């Protein structure tokens, strides 16, 4: 991948982290719940997407990215507990974790399915 694309992806990742954190600290909008655990699905999907974007930006650092996102998710839950209108929830953090783990598994599956280079010098 060209360095300019990688730089763009890294900038998008950082902007996504800032945007998500800001939104997480805003009052929660009223939404129609289709299932009682919809919030947990949203957390999992969001953190899977963040992990996927981070993996595009830093493809050789999946475990470091996962650790950063786990800390980020925990920090978000702690910060929400100080707002007075949002609540920190360990189950949200667990859903974040499951999204991250899911994406790591998916990325490894995709990588293992790609044909290996057979260049011989």
PDB file of N, CA and C in Angstrom:
ATOM      1  N   UNK A   1       0.852  -1.172   0.000  1.00  0.00           N
ATOM      2  CA  UNK A   1       0.000   0.000   0.000  1.00  0.00           C
ATOM      3  C   UNK A   1       0.901   1.240   0.000  1.00  0.00           C
ATOM      4  N   UNK A   2       0.591   2.216  -0.838  1.00  0.00           N
ATOM      5  CA  UNK A   2       1.416   3.433  -0.896  1.00  0.00           C
ATOM      6  C   UNK A   2       1.431   4.164   0.455  1.00  0.00           C
ATOM      7  N   UNK A   3       2.571   4.769   0.795  1.00  0.00           N
ATOM      8  CA  UNK A   3       2.672   5.479   2.078  1.00  0.00           C
ATOM      9  C   UNK A   3       1.618   6.574   2.256  1.00  0.00           C
ATOM     10  N   UNK A   4       1.230   7.237   1.176  1.00  0.00           N
ATOM     11  CA  UNK A   4       0.230   8.305   1.305  1.00  0.00           C
ATOM     12  C   UNK A   4      -1.130   7.742   1.731  1.00  0.00           C
ATOM     13  N   UNK A   5      -1.476   6.567   1.237  1.00  0.00           N
ATOM     14  CA  UNK A   5      -2.739   5.917   1.629  1.00  0.00           C
ATOM     15  C   UNK A   5      -2.653   5.488   3.091  1.00  0.00           C
ATOM     16  N   UNK A   6      -1.516   4.926   3.462  1.00  0.00           N
ATOM     17  CA  UNK A   6      -1.334   4.482   4.855  1.00  0.00           C
ATOM     18  C   UNK A   6      -1.447   5.684   5.805  1.00  0.00           C
ATOM     19  N   UNK A   7      -0.850   6.808   5.422  1.00  0.00           N
ATOM     20  CA  UNK A   7      -0.930   8.020   6.242  1.00  0.00           C
ATOM     21  C   UNK A   7      -2.376   8.490   6.362  1.00  0.00           C
ATOM     22  N   UNK A   8      -3.112   8.449   5.270  1.00  0.00           N
ATOM     23  CA  UNK A   8      -4.525   8.832   5.287  1.00  0.00           C
ATOM     24  C   UNK A   8      -5.325   7.916   6.213  1.00  0.00           C
ATOM     25  N   UNK A   9      -5.088   6.611   6.127  1.00  0.00           N
ATOM     26  CA  UNK A   9      -5.796   5.657   6.983  1.00  0.00           C
ATOM     27  C   UNK A   9      -5.480   5.895   8.455  1.00  0.00           C
ATOM     28  N   UNK A  10      -4.225   6.225   8.745  1.00  0.00           N
ATOM     29  CA  UNK A  10      -3.850   6.499  10.135  1.00  0.00           C
ATOM     30  C   UNK A  10      -4.549   7.749  10.647  1.00  0.00           C
ATOM     31  N   UNK A  11      -4.629   8.762   9.804  1.00  0.00           N
ATOM     32  CA  UNK A  11      -5.330   9.989  10.193  1.00  0.00           C
ATOM     33  C   UNK A  11      -6.819   9.711  10.408  1.00  0.00           C
ATOM     34  N   UNK A  12      -7.420   8.921   9.526  1.00  0.00           N
ATOM     35  CA  UNK A  12      -8.838   8.567   9.672  1.00  0.00           C
ATOM     36  C   UNK A  12      -9.086   7.780  10.958  1.00  0.00           C
ATOM     37  N   UNK A  13      -8.163   6.892  11.291  1.00  0.00           N
ATOM     38  CA  UNK A  13      -8.282   6.105  12.517  1.00  0.00           C
ATOM     39  C   UNK A  13      -8.286   7.026  13.739  1.00  0.00           C
ATOM     40  N   UNK A  14      -7.341   7.942  13.789  1.00  0.00           N
ATOM     41  CA  UNK A  14      -7.260   8.871  14.921  1.00  0.00           C
ATOM     42  C   UNK A  14      -8.512   9.749  14.979  1.00  0.00           C
ATOM     43  N   UNK A  15      -8.952  10.250  13.833  1.00  0.00           N
ATOM     44  CA  UNK A  15     -10.180  11.056  13.802  1.00  0.00           C
ATOM     45  C   UNK A  15     -11.394  10.242  14.252  1.00  0.00           C
ATOM     46  N   UNK A  16     -11.442   8.978  13.855  1.00  0.00           N
ATOM     47  CA  UNK A  16     -12.543   8.109  14.279  1.00  0.00           C
ATOM     48  C   UNK A  16     -12.528   7.939  15.796  1.00  0.00           C
ATOM     49  N   UNK A  17     -11.349   7.744  16.375  1.00  0.00           N
ATOM     50  CA  UNK A  17     -11.251   7.601  17.830  1.00  0.00           C
ATOM     51  C   UNK A  17     -11.741   8.865  18.537  1.00  0.00           C
ATOM     52  N   UNK A  18     -11.327  10.012  18.030  1.00  0.00           N
ATOM     53  CA  UNK A  18     -11.751  11.281  18.630  1.00  0.00           C
ATOM     54  C   UNK A  18     -13.261  11.452  18.487  1.00  0.00           C
ATOM     55  N   UNK A  19     -13.787  11.202  17.294  1.00  0.00           N
ATOM     56  CA  UNK A  19     -15.218  11.358  17.050  1.00  0.00           C
ATOM     57  C   UNK A  19     -16.064  10.424  17.886  1.00  0.00           C
ATOM     58  N   UNK A  20     -15.658   9.176  17.982  1.00  0.00           N
ATOM     59  CA  UNK A  20     -16.418   8.196  18.764  1.00  0.00           C
ATOM     60  C   UNK A  20     -16.406   8.580  20.240  1.00  0.00           C
ATOM     61  N   UNK A  21     -15.252   9.007  20.739  1.00  0.00           N
ATOM     62  CA  UNK A  21     -15.167   9.388  22.153  1.00  0.00           C
ATOM     63  C   UNK A  21     -16.076  10.587  22.431  1.00  0.00           C
ATOM     64  N   UNK A  22     -16.045  11.560  21.539  1.00  0.00           N
ATOM     65  CA  UNK A  22     -16.895  12.743  21.700  1.00  0.00           C
ATOM     66  C   UNK A  22     -18.371  12.337  21.701  1.00  0.00           C
ATOM     67  N   UNK A  23     -18.766  11.512  20.749  1.00  0.00           N
ATOM     68  CA  UNK A  23     -20.161  11.066  20.687  1.00  0.00           C
ATOM     69  C   UNK A  23     -20.553  10.271  21.930  1.00  0.00           C
ATOM     70  N   UNK A  24     -19.618   9.489  22.454  1.00  0.00           N
ATOM     71  CA  UNK A  24     -19.905   8.674  23.632  1.00  0.00           C
ATOM     72  C   UNK A  24     -20.150   9.529  24.872  1.00  0.00           C
ATOM     73  N   UNK A  25     -19.654  10.757  24.858  1.00  0.00           N
ATOM     74  CA  UNK A  25     -19.837  11.634  26.015  1.00  0.00           C
ATOM     75  C   UNK A  25     -21.016  12.590  25.862  1.00  0.00           C
ATOM     76  N   UNK A  26     -21.670  12.543  24.723  1.00  0.00           N
ATOM     77  CA  UNK A  26     -22.863  13.367  24.498  1.00  0.00           C
ATOM     78  C   UNK A  26     -24.077  12.636  25.092  1.00  0.00           C
ATOM     79  N   UNK A  27     -25.150  13.376  25.404  1.00  0.00           N
ATOM     80  CA  UNK A  27     -26.364  12.692  25.865  1.00  0.00           C
ATOM     81  C   UNK A  27     -26.831  11.669  24.820  1.00  0.00           C
ATOM     82  N   UNK A  28     -27.243  10.514  25.300  1.00  0.00           N
ATOM     83  CA  UNK A  28     -27.669   9.435  24.400  1.00  0.00           C
ATOM     84  C   UNK A  28     -28.975   9.809  23.714  1.00  0.00           C
ATOM     85  N   UNK A  29     -29.024   9.694  22.390  1.00  0.00           N
ATOM     86  CA  UNK A  29     -30.275   9.983  21.682  1.00  0.00           C
ATOM     87  C   UNK A  29     -31.296   8.866  21.918  1.00  0.00           C
ATOM     88  N   UNK A  30     -32.540   9.207  21.790  1.00  0.00           N
ATOM     89  CA  UNK A  30     -33.597   8.199  21.876  1.00  0.00           C
ATOM     90  C   UNK A  30     -33.588   7.387  20.584  1.00  0.00           C
ATOM     91  N   UNK A  31     -33.476   6.085  20.708  1.00  0.00           N
ATOM     92  CA  UNK A  31     -33.491   5.217  19.531  1.00  0.00           C
ATOM     93  C   UNK A  31     -34.502   4.099  19.754  1.00  0.00           C
ATOM     94  N   UNK A  32     -35.015   3.596  18.669  1.00  0.00           N
ATOM     95  CA  UNK A  32     -35.923   2.461  18.737  1.00  0.00           C
ATOM     96  C   UNK A  32     -35.076   1.208  18.926  1.00  0.00           C
ATOM     97  N   UNK A  33     -35.344   0.491  19.995  1.00  0.00           N
ATOM     98  CA  UNK A  33     -34.604  -0.742  20.254  1.00  0.00           C
ATOM     99  C   UNK A  33     -35.344  -1.910  19.623  1.00  0.00           C
ATOM    100  N   UNK A  34     -34.627  -2.630  18.785  1.00  0.00           N
ATOM    101  CA  UNK A  34     -35.208  -3.817  18.160  1.00  0.00           C
ATOM    102  C   UNK A  34     -35.079  -5.027  19.067  1.00  0.00           C
ATOM    103  N   UNK A  35     -33.974  -5.068  19.821  1.00  0.00           N
ATOM    104  CA  UNK A  35     -33.741  -6.137  20.795  1.00  0.00           C
ATOM    105  C   UNK A  35     -33.168  -5.499  22.055  1.00  0.00           C
ATOM    106  N   UNK A  36     -33.319  -6.164  23.182  1.00  0.00           N
ATOM    107  CA  UNK A  36     -32.891  -5.584  24.454  1.00  0.00           C
ATOM    108  C   UNK A  36     -31.375  -5.389  24.531  1.00  0.00           C
ATOM    109  N   UNK A  37     -30.615  -6.187  23.822  1.00  0.00           N
ATOM    110  CA  UNK A  37     -29.151  -6.101  23.858  1.00  0.00           C
ATOM    111  C   UNK A  37     -28.591  -5.380  22.636  1.00  0.00           C
ATOM    112  N   UNK A  38     -29.405  -4.551  22.017  1.00  0.00           N
ATOM    113  CA  UNK A  38     -28.988  -3.809  20.823  1.00  0.00           C
ATOM    114  C   UNK A  38     -27.747  -2.955  21.087  1.00  0.00           C
ATOM    115  N   UNK A  39     -27.674  -2.321  22.258  1.00  0.00           N
ATOM    116  CA  UNK A  39     -26.525  -1.489  22.606  1.00  0.00           C
ATOM    117  C   UNK A  39     -25.230  -2.302  22.578  1.00  0.00           C
ATOM    118  N   UNK A  40     -25.301  -3.538  23.025  1.00  0.00           N
ATOM    119  CA  UNK A  40     -24.095  -4.386  23.039  1.00  0.00           C
ATOM    120  C   UNK A  40     -23.674  -4.741  21.611  1.00  0.00           C
ATOM    121  N   UNK A  41     -24.642  -4.997  20.746  1.00  0.00           N
ATOM    122  CA  UNK A  41     -24.329  -5.267  19.335  1.00  0.00           C
ATOM    123  C   UNK A  41     -23.661  -4.042  18.724  1.00  0.00           C
ATOM    124  N   UNK A  42     -24.210  -2.872  19.011  1.00  0.00           N
ATOM    125  CA  UNK A  42     -23.633  -1.635  18.472  1.00  0.00           C
ATOM    126  C   UNK A  42     -22.193  -1.450  18.939  1.00  0.00           C
ATOM    127  N   UNK A  43     -21.929  -1.747  20.207  1.00  0.00           N
ATOM    128  CA  UNK A  43     -20.557  -1.655  20.726  1.00  0.00           C
ATOM    129  C   UNK A  43     -19.641  -2.629  19.992  1.00  0.00           C
ATOM    130  N   UNK A  44     -20.078  -3.860  19.852  1.00  0.00           N
ATOM    131  CA  UNK A  44     -19.259  -4.866  19.174  1.00  0.00           C
ATOM    132  C   UNK A  44     -18.955  -4.495  17.737  1.00  0.00           C
ATOM    133  N   UNK A  45     -19.968  -4.046  17.009  1.00  0.00           N
ATOM    134  CA  UNK A  45     -19.784  -3.661  15.603  1.00  0.00           C
ATOM    135  C   UNK A  45     -18.859  -2.451  15.501  1.00  0.00           C
ATOM    136  N   UNK A  46     -19.063  -1.475  16.372  1.00  0.00           N
ATOM    137  CA  UNK A  46     -18.220  -0.278  16.350  1.00  0.00           C
ATOM    138  C   UNK A  46     -16.757  -0.631  16.585  1.00  0.00           C
ATOM    139  N   UNK A  47     -16.482  -1.444  17.594  1.00  0.00           N
ATOM    140  CA  UNK A  47     -15.091  -1.766  17.901  1.00  0.00           C
ATOM    141  C   UNK A  47     -14.490  -2.727  16.884  1.00  0.00           C
ATOM    142  N   UNK A  48     -15.302  -3.558  16.259  1.00  0.00           N
ATOM    143  CA  UNK A  48     -14.798  -4.372  15.145  1.00  0.00           C
ATOM    144  C   UNK A  48     -14.391  -3.455  13.998  1.00  0.00           C
ATOM    145  N   UNK A  49     -15.208  -2.442  13.719  1.00  0.00           N
ATOM    146  CA  UNK A  49     -14.889  -1.495  12.643  1.00  0.00           C
ATOM    147  C   UNK A  49     -13.634  -0.695  12.969  1.00  0.00           C
ATOM    148  N   UNK A  50     -13.505  -0.239  14.218  1.00  0.00           N
ATOM    149  CA  UNK A  50     -12.292   0.486  14.610  1.00  0.00           C
ATOM    150  C   UNK A  50     -11.063  -0.407  14.471  1.00  0.00           C
ATOM    151  N   UNK A  51     -11.199  -1.663  14.872  1.00  0.00           N
ATOM    152  CA  UNK A  51     -10.078  -2.601  14.742  1.00  0.00           C
ATOM    153  C   UNK A  51      -9.745  -2.822  13.276  1.00  0.00           C
ATOM    154  N   UNK A  52     -10.742  -2.946  12.432  1.00  0.00           N
ATOM    155  CA  UNK A  52     -10.503  -3.128  10.997  1.00  0.00           C
ATOM    156  C   UNK A  52      -9.805  -1.929  10.384  1.00  0.00           C
ATOM    157  N   UNK A  53     -10.251  -0.730  10.730  1.00  0.00           N
ATOM    158  CA  UNK A  53      -9.607   0.480  10.215  1.00  0.00           C
ATOM    159  C   UNK A  53      -8.177   0.582  10.724  1.00  0.00           C
ATOM    160  N   UNK A  54      -7.990   0.296  12.003  1.00  0.00           N
ATOM    161  CA  UNK A  54      -6.639   0.314  12.564  1.00  0.00           C
ATOM    162  C   UNK A  54      -5.731  -0.709  11.905  1.00  0.00           C
ATOM    163  N   UNK A  55      -6.277  -1.871  11.585  1.00  0.00           N
ATOM    164  CA  UNK A  55      -5.483  -2.919  10.935  1.00  0.00           C
ATOM    165  C   UNK A  55      -5.068  -2.516   9.528  1.00  0.00           C
ATOM    166  N   UNK A  56      -5.897  -1.747   8.848  1.00  0.00           N
ATOM    167  CA  UNK A  56      -5.501  -1.239   7.531  1.00  0.00           C
ATOM    168  C   UNK A  56      -4.361  -0.232   7.666  1.00  0.00           C
ATOM    169  N   UNK A  57      -4.401   0.554   8.730  1.00  0.00           N
ATOM    170  CA  UNK A  57      -3.385   1.583   8.941  1.00  0.00           C
ATOM    171  C   UNK A  57      -2.078   1.002   9.476  1.00  0.00           C
ATOM    172  N   UNK A  58      -2.168  -0.001  10.344  1.00  0.00           N
ATOM    173  CA  UNK A  58      -0.993  -0.631  10.953  1.00  0.00           C
ATOM    174  C   UNK A  58      -1.153  -2.154  10.878  1.00  0.00           C
ATOM    175  N   UNK A  59      -1.001  -2.743   9.710  1.00  0.00           N
ATOM    176  CA  UNK A  59      -1.306  -4.168   9.533  1.00  0.00           C
ATOM    177  C   UNK A  59      -0.416  -5.127  10.328  1.00  0.00           C
ATOM    178  N   UNK A  60       0.735  -4.702  10.741  1.00  0.00           N
ATOM    179  CA  UNK A  60       1.645  -5.605  11.461  1.00  0.00           C
ATOM    180  C   UNK A  60       1.578  -5.429  12.969  1.00  0.00           C
ATOM    181  N   UNK A  61       0.594  -4.703  13.440  1.00  0.00           N
ATOM    182  CA  UNK A  61       0.523  -4.396  14.871  1.00  0.00           C
ATOM    183  C   UNK A  61      -0.863  -4.687  15.446  1.00  0.00           C
ATOM    184  N   UNK A  62      -1.426  -5.820  15.088  1.00  0.00           N
ATOM    185  CA  UNK A  62      -2.793  -6.136  15.517  1.00  0.00           C
ATOM    186  C   UNK A  62      -2.932  -6.219  17.034  1.00  0.00           C
ATOM    187  N   UNK A  63      -1.991  -6.867  17.691  1.00  0.00           N
ATOM    188  CA  UNK A  63      -2.116  -7.018  19.143  1.00  0.00           C
ATOM    189  C   UNK A  63      -1.937  -5.686  19.860  1.00  0.00           C
ATOM    190  N   UNK A  64      -1.030  -4.855  19.364  1.00  0.00           N
ATOM    191  CA  UNK A  64      -0.866  -3.519  19.942  1.00  0.00           C
ATOM    192  C   UNK A  64      -2.141  -2.703  19.743  1.00  0.00           C
ATOM    193  N   UNK A  65      -2.702  -2.757  18.545  1.00  0.00           N
ATOM    194  CA  UNK A  65      -3.967  -2.063  18.272  1.00  0.00           C
ATOM    195  C   UNK A  65      -5.077  -2.565  19.190  1.00  0.00           C
ATOM    196  N   UNK A  66      -5.142  -3.878  19.361  1.00  0.00           N
ATOM    197  CA  UNK A  66      -6.175  -4.451  20.227  1.00  0.00           C
ATOM    198  C   UNK A  66      -6.018  -3.933  21.653  1.00  0.00           C
ATOM    199  N   UNK A  67      -4.791  -3.898  22.154  1.00  0.00           N
ATOM    200  CA  UNK A  67      -4.552  -3.400  23.511  1.00  0.00           C
ATOM    201  C   UNK A  67      -4.951  -1.930  23.632  1.00  0.00           C
ATOM    202  N   UNK A  68      -4.591  -1.138  22.632  1.00  0.00           N
ATOM    203  CA  UNK A  68      -4.952   0.287  22.643  1.00  0.00           C
ATOM    204  C   UNK A  68      -6.470   0.452  22.638  1.00  0.00           C
ATOM    205  N   UNK A  69      -7.153  -0.320  21.797  1.00  0.00           N
ATOM    206  CA  UNK A  69      -8.613  -0.208  21.726  1.00  0.00           C
ATOM    207  C   UNK A  69      -9.288  -0.702  23.004  1.00  0.00           C
ATOM    208  N   UNK A  70      -8.720  -1.720  23.637  1.00  0.00           N
ATOM    209  CA  UNK A  70      -9.277  -2.184  24.914  1.00  0.00           C
ATOM    210  C   UNK A  70      -9.166  -1.094  25.978  1.00  0.00           C
ATOM    211  N   UNK A  71      -8.009  -0.440  26.039  1.00  0.00           N
ATOM    212  CA  UNK A  71      -7.826   0.664  26.989  1.00  0.00           C
ATOM    213  C   UNK A  71      -8.733   1.844  26.635  1.00  0.00           C
ATOM    214  N   UNK A  72      -8.851   2.112  25.354  1.00  0.00           N
ATOM    215  CA  UNK A  72      -9.719   3.191  24.864  1.00  0.00           C
ATOM    216  C   UNK A  72     -11.171   2.925  25.276  1.00  0.00           C
ATOM    217  N   UNK A  73     -11.640   1.694  25.080  1.00  0.00           N
ATOM    218  CA  UNK A  73     -13.005   1.339  25.462  1.00  0.00           C
ATOM    219  C   UNK A  73     -13.226   1.468  26.960  1.00  0.00           C
ATOM    220  N   UNK A  74     -12.236   1.033  27.746  1.00  0.00           N
ATOM    221  CA  UNK A  74     -12.345   1.162  29.199  1.00  0.00           C
ATOM    222  C   UNK A  74     -12.371   2.632  29.605  1.00  0.00           C
ATOM    223  N   UNK A  75     -11.509   3.438  28.990  1.00  0.00           N
ATOM    224  CA  UNK A  75     -11.472   4.874  29.298  1.00  0.00           C
ATOM    225  C   UNK A  75     -12.799   5.536  28.947  1.00  0.00           C
ATOM    226  N   UNK A  76     -13.395   5.109  27.860  1.00  0.00           N
ATOM    227  CA  UNK A  76     -14.682   5.661  27.445  1.00  0.00           C
ATOM    228  C   UNK A  76     -15.757   5.352  28.485  1.00  0.00           C
ATOM    229  N   UNK A  77     -15.777   4.133  28.977  1.00  0.00           N
ATOM    230  CA  UNK A  77     -16.774   3.758  29.978  1.00  0.00           C
ATOM    231  C   UNK A  77     -16.560   4.528  31.279  1.00  0.00           C
ATOM    232  N   UNK A  78     -15.310   4.703  31.680  1.00  0.00           N
ATOM    233  CA  UNK A  78     -15.020   5.480  32.890  1.00  0.00           C
ATOM    234  C   UNK A  78     -15.452   6.931  32.687  1.00  0.00           C
ATOM    235  N   UNK A  79     -15.109   7.511  31.543  1.00  0.00           N
ATOM    236  CA  UNK A  79     -15.478   8.902  31.260  1.00  0.00           C
ATOM    237  C   UNK A  79     -16.996   9.078  31.260  1.00  0.00           C
ATOM    238  N   UNK A  80     -17.716   8.109  30.714  1.00  0.00           N
ATOM    239  CA  UNK A  80     -19.179   8.205  30.691  1.00  0.00           C
ATOM    240  C   UNK A  80     -19.759   8.226  32.102  1.00  0.00           C
ATOM    241  N   UNK A  81     -19.106   7.543  33.025  1.00  0.00           N
ATOM    242  CA  UNK A  81     -19.635   7.491  34.391  1.00  0.00           C
ATOM    243  C   UNK A  81     -19.543   8.843  35.098  1.00  0.00           C
ATOM    244  N   UNK A  82     -18.756   9.769  34.562  1.00  0.00           N
ATOM    245  CA  UNK A  82     -18.623  11.095  35.159  1.00  0.00           C
ATOM    246  C   UNK A  82     -19.549  12.140  34.528  1.00  0.00           C
ATOM    247  N   UNK A  83     -20.327  11.765  33.533  1.00  0.00           N
ATOM    248  CA  UNK A  83     -21.150  12.756  32.835  1.00  0.00           C
ATOM    249  C   UNK A  83     -22.435  13.110  33.572  1.00  0.00           C
ATOM    250  N   UNK A  84     -22.989  12.195  34.312  1.00  0.00           N
ATOM    251  CA  UNK A  84     -24.269  12.439  34.964  1.00  0.00           C
ATOM    252  C   UNK A  84     -25.461  12.038  34.115  1.00  0.00           C
ATOM    253  N   UNK A  85     -25.259  11.832  32.825  1.00  0.00           N
ATOM    254  CA  UNK A  85     -26.355  11.427  31.935  1.00  0.00           C
ATOM    255  C   UNK A  85     -25.996  10.191  31.117  1.00  0.00           C
ATOM    256  N   UNK A  86     -24.776   9.726  31.217  1.00  0.00           N
ATOM    257  CA  UNK A  86     -24.358   8.454  30.606  1.00  0.00           C
ATOM    258  C   UNK A  86     -23.839   7.574  31.735  1.00  0.00           C
ATOM    259  N   UNK A  87     -23.719   6.292  31.466  1.00  0.00           N
ATOM    260  CA  UNK A  87     -23.286   5.366  32.499  1.00  0.00           C
ATOM    261  C   UNK A  87     -22.190   4.465  31.959  1.00  0.00           C
ATOM    262  N   UNK A  88     -21.126   4.309  32.727  1.00  0.00           N
ATOM    263  CA  UNK A  88     -20.102   3.341  32.378  1.00  0.00           C
ATOM    264  C   UNK A  88     -20.640   1.945  32.640  1.00  0.00           C
ATOM    265  N   UNK A  89     -20.345   1.029  31.753  1.00  0.00           N
ATOM    266  CA  UNK A  89     -20.912  -0.315  31.864  1.00  0.00           C
ATOM    267  C   UNK A  89     -19.863  -1.343  31.466  1.00  0.00           C
ATOM    268  N   UNK A  90     -19.536  -2.225  32.390  1.00  0.00           N
ATOM    269  CA  UNK A  90     -18.546  -3.272  32.116  1.00  0.00           C
ATOM    270  C   UNK A  90     -19.006  -4.164  30.961  1.00  0.00           C
ATOM    271  N   UNK A  91     -20.319  -4.337  30.812  1.00  0.00           N
ATOM    272  CA  UNK A  91     -20.841  -5.174  29.729  1.00  0.00           C
ATOM    273  C   UNK A  91     -20.634  -4.514  28.366  1.00  0.00           C
ATOM    274  N   UNK A  92     -20.668  -3.182  28.333  1.00  0.00           N
ATOM    275  CA  UNK A  92     -20.337  -2.476  27.092  1.00  0.00           C
ATOM    276  C   UNK A  92     -18.879  -2.737  26.727  1.00  0.00           C
ATOM    277  N   UNK A  93     -18.010  -2.685  27.735  1.00  0.00           N
ATOM    278  CA  UNK A  93     -16.586  -2.925  27.493  1.00  0.00           C
ATOM    279  C   UNK A  93     -16.363  -4.366  27.021  1.00  0.00           C
ATOM    280  N   UNK A  94     -17.105  -5.307  27.588  1.00  0.00           N
ATOM    281  CA  UNK A  94     -17.003  -6.697  27.135  1.00  0.00           C
ATOM    282  C   UNK A  94     -17.460  -6.817  25.686  1.00  0.00           C
ATOM    283  N   UNK A  95     -18.514  -6.115  25.311  1.00  0.00           N
ATOM    284  CA  UNK A  95     -18.970  -6.118  23.911  1.00  0.00           C
ATOM    285  C   UNK A  95     -17.906  -5.504  23.003  1.00  0.00           C
ATOM    286  N   UNK A  96     -17.242  -4.436  23.473  1.00  0.00           N
ATOM    287  CA  UNK A  96     -16.125  -3.852  22.721  1.00  0.00           C
ATOM    288  C   UNK A  96     -15.057  -4.914  22.481  1.00  0.00           C
ATOM    289  N   UNK A  97     -14.734  -5.632  23.546  1.00  0.00           N
ATOM    290  CA  UNK A  97     -13.700  -6.667  23.485  1.00  0.00           C
ATOM    291  C   UNK A  97     -14.073  -7.753  22.483  1.00  0.00           C
ATOM    292  N   UNK A  98     -15.312  -8.185  22.509  1.00  0.00           N
ATOM    293  CA  UNK A  98     -15.753  -9.221  21.570  1.00  0.00           C
ATOM    294  C   UNK A  98     -15.671  -8.735  20.127  1.00  0.00           C
ATOM    295  N   UNK A  99     -15.997  -7.475  19.884  1.00  0.00           N
ATOM    296  CA  UNK A  99     -15.863  -6.910  18.540  1.00  0.00           C
ATOM    297  C   UNK A  99     -14.421  -6.913  18.070  1.00  0.00           C
ATOM    298  N   UNK A 100     -13.506  -6.549  18.957  1.00  0.00           N
ATOM    299  CA  UNK A 100     -12.075  -6.543  18.631  1.00  0.00           C
ATOM    300  C   UNK A 100     -11.596  -7.957  18.322  1.00  0.00           C
ATOM    301  N   UNK A 101     -11.945  -8.898  19.186  1.00  0.00           N
ATOM    302  CA  UNK A 101     -11.528 -10.294  18.994  1.00  0.00           C
ATOM    303  C   UNK A 101     -12.113 -10.857  17.700  1.00  0.00           C
ATOM    304  N   UNK A 102     -13.373 -10.554  17.426  1.00  0.00           N
ATOM    305  CA  UNK A 102     -13.993 -11.007  16.181  1.00  0.00           C
ATOM    306  C   UNK A 102     -13.206 -10.504  14.976  1.00  0.00           C
ATOM    307  N   UNK A 103     -12.866  -9.213  14.967  1.00  0.00           N
ATOM    308  CA  UNK A 103     -12.160  -8.647  13.818  1.00  0.00           C
ATOM    309  C   UNK A 103     -10.760  -9.233  13.683  1.00  0.00           C
ATOM    310  N   UNK A 104     -10.070  -9.459  14.780  1.00  0.00           N
ATOM    311  CA  UNK A 104      -8.746 -10.090  14.695  1.00  0.00           C
ATOM    312  C   UNK A 104      -8.878 -11.470  14.069  1.00  0.00           C
ATOM    313  N   UNK A 105      -9.865 -12.233  14.508  1.00  0.00           N
ATOM    314  CA  UNK A 105     -10.080 -13.556  13.925  1.00  0.00           C
ATOM    315  C   UNK A 105     -10.399 -13.486  12.445  1.00  0.00           C
ATOM    316  N   UNK A 106     -11.256 -12.552  12.064  1.00  0.00           N
ATOM    317  CA  UNK A 106     -11.608 -12.382  10.653  1.00  0.00           C
ATOM    318  C   UNK A 106     -10.383 -11.982   9.830  1.00  0.00           C
ATOM    319  N   UNK A 107      -9.587 -11.060  10.339  1.00  0.00           N
ATOM    320  CA  UNK A 107      -8.382 -10.629   9.619  1.00  0.00           C
ATOM    321  C   UNK A 107      -7.395 -11.775   9.451  1.00  0.00           C
ATOM    322  N   UNK A 108      -7.228 -12.561  10.488  1.00  0.00           N
ATOM    323  CA  UNK A 108      -6.307 -13.708  10.386  1.00  0.00           C
ATOM    324  C   UNK A 108      -6.833 -14.748   9.405  1.00  0.00           C
ATOM    325  N   UNK A 109      -8.129 -14.948   9.391  1.00  0.00           N
ATOM    326  CA  UNK A 109      -8.731 -15.878   8.435  1.00  0.00           C
ATOM    327  C   UNK A 109      -8.509 -15.387   7.009  1.00  0.00           C
ATOM    328  N   UNK A 110      -8.730 -14.110   6.773  1.00  0.00           N
ATOM    329  CA  UNK A 110      -8.521 -13.533   5.439  1.00  0.00           C
ATOM    330  C   UNK A 110      -7.064 -13.654   5.030  1.00  0.00           C
ATOM    331  N   UNK A 111      -6.166 -13.340   5.946  1.00  0.00           N
ATOM    332  CA  UNK A 111      -4.733 -13.419   5.631  1.00  0.00           C
ATOM    333  C   UNK A 111      -4.297 -14.847   5.335  1.00  0.00           C
ATOM    334  N   UNK A 112      -4.842 -15.798   6.057  1.00  0.00           N
ATOM    335  CA  UNK A 112      -4.442 -17.191   5.828  1.00  0.00           C
ATOM    336  C   UNK A 112      -5.000 -17.721   4.513  1.00  0.00           C
ATOM    337  N   UNK A 113      -6.078 -17.133   4.017  1.00  0.00           N
ATOM    338  CA  UNK A 113      -6.686 -17.576   2.761  1.00  0.00           C
ATOM    339  C   UNK A 113      -6.010 -16.970   1.540  1.00  0.00           C
ATOM    340  N   UNK A 114      -5.237 -15.899   1.742  1.00  0.00           N
ATOM    341  CA  UNK A 114      -4.559 -15.271   0.602  1.00  0.00           C
ATOM    342  C   UNK A 114      -3.421 -16.159   0.129  1.00  0.00           C
ATOM    343  N   UNK A 115      -3.236 -16.233  -1.186  1.00  0.00           N
ATOM    344  CA  UNK A 115      -2.125 -17.041  -1.693  1.00  0.00           C
ATOM    345  C   UNK A 115      -0.791 -16.433  -1.278  1.00  0.00           C
ATOM    346  N   UNK A 116       0.141 -17.296  -0.970  1.00  0.00           N
ATOM    347  CA  UNK A 116       1.486 -16.869  -0.585  1.00  0.00           C
ATOM    348  C   UNK A 116       2.261 -16.459  -1.825  1.00  0.00           C
ATOM    349  N   UNK A 117       3.133 -15.503  -1.648  1.00  0.00           N
ATOM    350  CA  UNK A 117       4.004 -15.071  -2.741  1.00  0.00           C
ATOM    351  C   UNK A 117       5.006 -16.179  -3.036  1.00  0.00           C
ATOM    352  N   UNK A 118       5.235 -16.427  -4.307  1.00  0.00           N
ATOM    353  CA  UNK A 118       6.186 -17.479  -4.697  1.00  0.00           C
ATOM    354  C   UNK A 118       7.393 -16.888  -5.403  1.00  0.00           C
ATOM    355  N   UNK A 119       7.694 -15.615  -5.100  1.00  0.00           N
ATOM    356  CA  UNK A 119       8.871 -14.987  -5.708  1.00  0.00           C
ATOM    357  C   UNK A 119      10.132 -15.728  -5.286  1.00  0.00           C
ATOM    358  N   UNK A 120      10.972 -15.992  -6.264  1.00  0.00           N
ATOM    359  CA  UNK A 120      12.267 -16.623  -5.984  1.00  0.00           C
ATOM    360  C   UNK A 120      13.335 -15.756  -6.602  1.00  0.00           C
ATOM    361  N   UNK A 121      14.261 -15.359  -5.782  1.00  0.00           N
ATOM    362  CA  UNK A 121      15.339 -14.493  -6.272  1.00  0.00           C
ATOM    363  C   UNK A 121      16.604 -15.263  -6.415  1.00  0.00           C
TER     364      UNK A 121
END
